[in-house]
Amino acid sequence: DIELTGIDNLGLVSDITEVISDIMHVNMRNLNFSTDGGTFKGKITVVVKNKAILKKLTDTLRDINGIDKVTRI
């Protein structure tokens, strides 16, 4: 599971799923986002082959505009 937090922007979920599915070719099993006062918190369950792919995925997600924190949980 990966937890994401940051500033809620229009199209943010689309940007996140594009990175995970289209760019990184990682399978998502579960996706949950909620917003509160202009900030968001999301939890995504992903299936990766190894820790190197997971690290690259989290690093790539951090580069998305609006994401402040990406944590493996």
C-alpha atoms as a PDB file:
ATOM      1  CA  ASP A   1       0.000   0.000   0.000  1.00  0.00           C
ATOM      2  CA  ILE A   2       1.090   3.548  -0.768  1.00  0.00           C
ATOM      3  CA  GLU A   3      -0.278   6.582   1.055  1.00  0.00           C
ATOM      4  CA  LEU A   4      -0.265   9.989  -0.646  1.00  0.00           C
ATOM      5  CA  THR A   5      -1.021  13.436   0.755  1.00  0.00           C
ATOM      6  CA  GLY A   6      -0.983  16.893  -0.764  1.00  0.00           C
ATOM      7  CA  ILE A   7      -2.943  19.741  -2.299  1.00  0.00           C
ATOM      8  CA  ASP A   8      -6.156  18.790  -4.091  1.00  0.00           C
ATOM      9  CA  ASN A   9      -6.005  19.846  -7.758  1.00  0.00           C
ATOM     10  CA  LEU A  10      -8.377  19.208 -10.642  1.00  0.00           C
ATOM     11  CA  GLY A  11      -7.183  16.108 -12.502  1.00  0.00           C
ATOM     12  CA  LEU A  12      -4.816  14.952  -9.757  1.00  0.00           C
ATOM     13  CA  VAL A  13      -6.269  11.435  -9.520  1.00  0.00           C
ATOM     14  CA  SER A  14      -6.007  11.158 -13.299  1.00  0.00           C
ATOM     15  CA  ASP A  15      -2.331  12.190 -13.161  1.00  0.00           C
ATOM     16  CA  ILE A  16      -1.642   9.629 -10.423  1.00  0.00           C
ATOM     17  CA  THR A  17      -3.347   6.752 -12.227  1.00  0.00           C
ATOM     18  CA  GLU A  18      -1.591   7.691 -15.485  1.00  0.00           C
ATOM     19  CA  VAL A  19       1.810   7.425 -13.776  1.00  0.00           C
ATOM     20  CA  ILE A  20       0.953   4.104 -12.135  1.00  0.00           C
ATOM     21  CA  SER A  21      -0.764   2.379 -15.065  1.00  0.00           C
ATOM     22  CA  ASP A  22       0.509   3.973 -18.278  1.00  0.00           C
ATOM     23  CA  ILE A  23       4.051   5.062 -17.399  1.00  0.00           C
ATOM     24  CA  MET A  24       5.121   2.517 -14.762  1.00  0.00           C
ATOM     25  CA  HIS A  25       2.863  -0.355 -15.962  1.00  0.00           C
ATOM     26  CA  VAL A  26       2.002  -1.271 -12.366  1.00  0.00           C
ATOM     27  CA  ASN A  27      -1.274  -3.001 -11.482  1.00  0.00           C
ATOM     28  CA  MET A  28      -3.573  -1.272  -8.974  1.00  0.00           C
ATOM     29  CA  ARG A  29      -5.800  -3.403  -6.753  1.00  0.00           C
ATOM     30  CA  ASN A  30      -7.455  -0.680  -4.686  1.00  0.00           C
ATOM     31  CA  LEU A  31      -7.740   3.114  -4.899  1.00  0.00           C
ATOM     32  CA  ASN A  32      -9.217   5.424  -2.242  1.00  0.00           C
ATOM     33  CA  PHE A  33      -9.030   9.236  -2.096  1.00  0.00           C
ATOM     34  CA  SER A  34     -10.658  11.784   0.199  1.00  0.00           C
ATOM     35  CA  THR A  35     -10.392  15.569   0.394  1.00  0.00           C
ATOM     36  CA  ASP A  36     -10.725  18.009   3.270  1.00  0.00           C
ATOM     37  CA  GLY A  37     -10.289  21.759   3.009  1.00  0.00           C
ATOM     38  CA  GLY A  38      -8.226  21.756  -0.172  1.00  0.00           C
ATOM     39  CA  THR A  39      -5.934  18.897   0.845  1.00  0.00           C
ATOM     40  CA  PHE A  40      -6.245  15.243  -0.077  1.00  0.00           C
ATOM     41  CA  LYS A  41      -5.268  11.897   1.378  1.00  0.00           C
ATOM     42  CA  GLY A  42      -5.121   8.802  -0.773  1.00  0.00           C
ATOM     43  CA  LYS A  43      -4.335   5.139  -0.353  1.00  0.00           C
ATOM     44  CA  ILE A  44      -3.454   2.926  -3.301  1.00  0.00           C
ATOM     45  CA  THR A  45      -2.808  -0.809  -3.216  1.00  0.00           C
ATOM     46  CA  VAL A  46      -0.336  -1.746  -5.961  1.00  0.00           C
ATOM     47  CA  VAL A  47       1.247  -4.995  -7.100  1.00  0.00           C
ATOM     48  CA  VAL A  48       4.968  -4.727  -7.878  1.00  0.00           C
ATOM     49  CA  LYS A  49       7.604  -7.366  -8.630  1.00  0.00           C
ATOM     50  CA  ASN A  50      10.331  -5.943  -6.392  1.00  0.00           C
ATOM     51  CA  LYS A  51      11.381  -3.069  -4.145  1.00  0.00           C
ATOM     52  CA  ALA A  52      13.278  -1.308  -6.934  1.00  0.00           C
ATOM     53  CA  ILE A  53      10.069  -0.864  -8.934  1.00  0.00           C
ATOM     54  CA  LEU A  54       8.257   0.321  -5.803  1.00  0.00           C
ATOM     55  CA  LYS A  55      10.977   2.903  -5.112  1.00  0.00           C
ATOM     56  CA  LYS A  56      10.865   4.188  -8.696  1.00  0.00           C
ATOM     57  CA  LEU A  57       7.070   4.391  -8.494  1.00  0.00           C
ATOM     58  CA  THR A  58       7.090   6.377  -5.234  1.00  0.00           C
ATOM     59  CA  ASP A  59       9.808   8.707  -6.568  1.00  0.00           C
ATOM     60  CA  THR A  60       7.822   9.299  -9.769  1.00  0.00           C
ATOM     61  CA  LEU A  61       4.620   9.990  -7.806  1.00  0.00           C
ATOM     62  CA  ARG A  62       6.462  12.578  -5.664  1.00  0.00           C
ATOM     63  CA  ASP A  63       7.247  14.525  -8.850  1.00  0.00           C
ATOM     64  CA  ILE A  64       3.541  15.099  -9.608  1.00  0.00           C
ATOM     65  CA  ASN A  65       2.493  18.696  -8.947  1.00  0.00           C
ATOM     66  CA  GLY A  66       0.383  18.828  -5.785  1.00  0.00           C
ATOM     67  CA  ILE A  67       1.733  15.724  -4.056  1.00  0.00           C
ATOM     68  CA  ASP A  68       3.584  16.527  -0.839  1.00  0.00           C
ATOM     69  CA  LYS A  69       4.217  13.094   0.647  1.00  0.00           C
ATOM     70  CA  VAL A  70       4.329   9.489  -0.619  1.00  0.00           C
ATOM     71  CA  THR A  71       4.736   6.759   1.989  1.00  0.00           C
ATOM     72  CA  ARG A  72       4.728   2.969   1.874  1.00  0.00           C
ATOM     73  CA  ILE A  73       2.413   1.584   4.534  1.00  0.00           C
END
